[in-house]
């Protein structure tokens, strides 16, 4: 049984994230992992929430749940 991951749905500024899923392909052009991330358009910030190392696409409510009442913390700024 998989453990469901709970992700924050709001940025620390209070704006809701625009949540997205993107696949990471291997050398054979097959999906090897999936990256779940959120975009805050107000602050122009992308928060990478998790990476699922599985071939099948993660499903909302099965692999992860977005909690829109939970705010994210401050992340590291990459330059």
Protein backbone atom coordinates (compact mmCIF):
# COMPACT_ATOMS: atom_id res chain seq x y z
CA UNK A 1 0.00 0.00 0.00
CA UNK A 2 1.28 3.45 -0.92
CA UNK A 3 1.34 6.30 1.54
CA UNK A 4 -0.61 9.31 0.25
CA UNK A 5 1.46 12.51 0.24
CA UNK A 6 -0.22 15.76 1.32
CA UNK A 7 1.01 18.90 -0.48
CA UNK A 8 0.43 22.53 0.48
CA UNK A 9 -1.86 24.24 -2.00
CA UNK A 10 -1.03 27.85 -1.10
CA UNK A 11 2.17 29.84 -1.34
CA UNK A 12 3.37 31.65 1.79
CA UNK A 13 1.95 34.87 0.24
CA UNK A 14 -1.54 33.34 0.48
CA UNK A 15 -2.11 32.84 -3.29
CA UNK A 16 -3.19 29.35 -4.40
CA UNK A 17 -0.66 27.32 -6.37
CA UNK A 18 -1.38 26.29 -9.94
CA UNK A 19 -0.46 22.60 -9.47
CA UNK A 20 1.08 20.63 -12.35
CA UNK A 21 2.54 17.21 -13.09
CA UNK A 22 5.43 16.72 -15.53
CA UNK A 23 7.08 13.47 -16.57
CA UNK A 24 10.80 12.80 -16.62
CA UNK A 25 11.75 10.47 -19.45
CA UNK A 26 14.63 8.00 -19.48
CA UNK A 27 17.02 7.21 -22.36
CA UNK A 28 14.33 5.06 -24.04
CA UNK A 29 11.90 8.02 -24.02
CA UNK A 30 9.67 6.30 -21.46
CA UNK A 31 8.33 7.96 -18.32
CA UNK A 32 10.59 6.93 -15.44
CA UNK A 33 9.45 9.49 -12.88
CA UNK A 34 6.87 12.23 -12.35
CA UNK A 35 7.50 15.66 -10.83
CA UNK A 36 4.64 17.39 -9.00
CA UNK A 37 5.10 21.14 -8.67
CA UNK A 38 3.15 24.31 -7.95
CA UNK A 39 3.43 27.73 -9.59
CA UNK A 40 2.66 31.00 -7.78
CA UNK A 41 1.97 33.52 -10.52
CA UNK A 42 1.90 36.46 -8.10
CA UNK A 43 5.44 35.88 -6.80
CA UNK A 44 6.75 34.18 -9.96
CA UNK A 45 7.89 31.18 -7.89
CA UNK A 46 7.90 27.47 -8.70
CA UNK A 47 7.81 24.99 -5.79
CA UNK A 48 8.78 21.41 -6.59
CA UNK A 49 6.62 19.35 -4.26
CA UNK A 50 7.66 15.77 -4.95
CA UNK A 51 9.11 13.30 -7.42
CA UNK A 52 7.36 9.96 -7.90
CA UNK A 53 9.73 7.24 -9.11
CA UNK A 54 7.09 5.20 -10.91
CA UNK A 55 6.15 4.54 -14.52
CA UNK A 56 2.45 5.33 -14.12
CA UNK A 57 1.24 8.90 -13.66
CA UNK A 58 0.48 9.76 -10.01
CA UNK A 59 -3.21 10.25 -9.29
CA UNK A 60 -4.86 12.87 -7.12
CA UNK A 61 -6.41 11.23 -4.07
CA UNK A 62 -4.44 8.00 -4.57
CA UNK A 63 -0.79 9.13 -4.61
CA UNK A 64 -1.17 12.74 -3.46
CA UNK A 65 -3.69 15.26 -2.15
CA UNK A 66 -3.40 19.05 -2.48
CA UNK A 67 -4.50 20.80 0.73
CA UNK A 68 -5.56 24.34 -0.26
CA UNK A 69 -5.77 25.39 3.41
CA UNK A 70 -2.11 24.52 4.05
CA UNK A 71 0.53 27.16 3.17
CA UNK A 72 4.02 26.34 1.98
CA UNK A 73 7.09 27.50 3.85
CA UNK A 74 9.87 29.65 2.48
CA UNK A 75 12.14 27.75 0.12
CA UNK A 76 15.73 28.23 -0.97
CA UNK A 77 16.44 30.73 -3.73
CA UNK A 78 18.52 29.27 -6.55
CA UNK A 79 20.74 31.50 -8.63
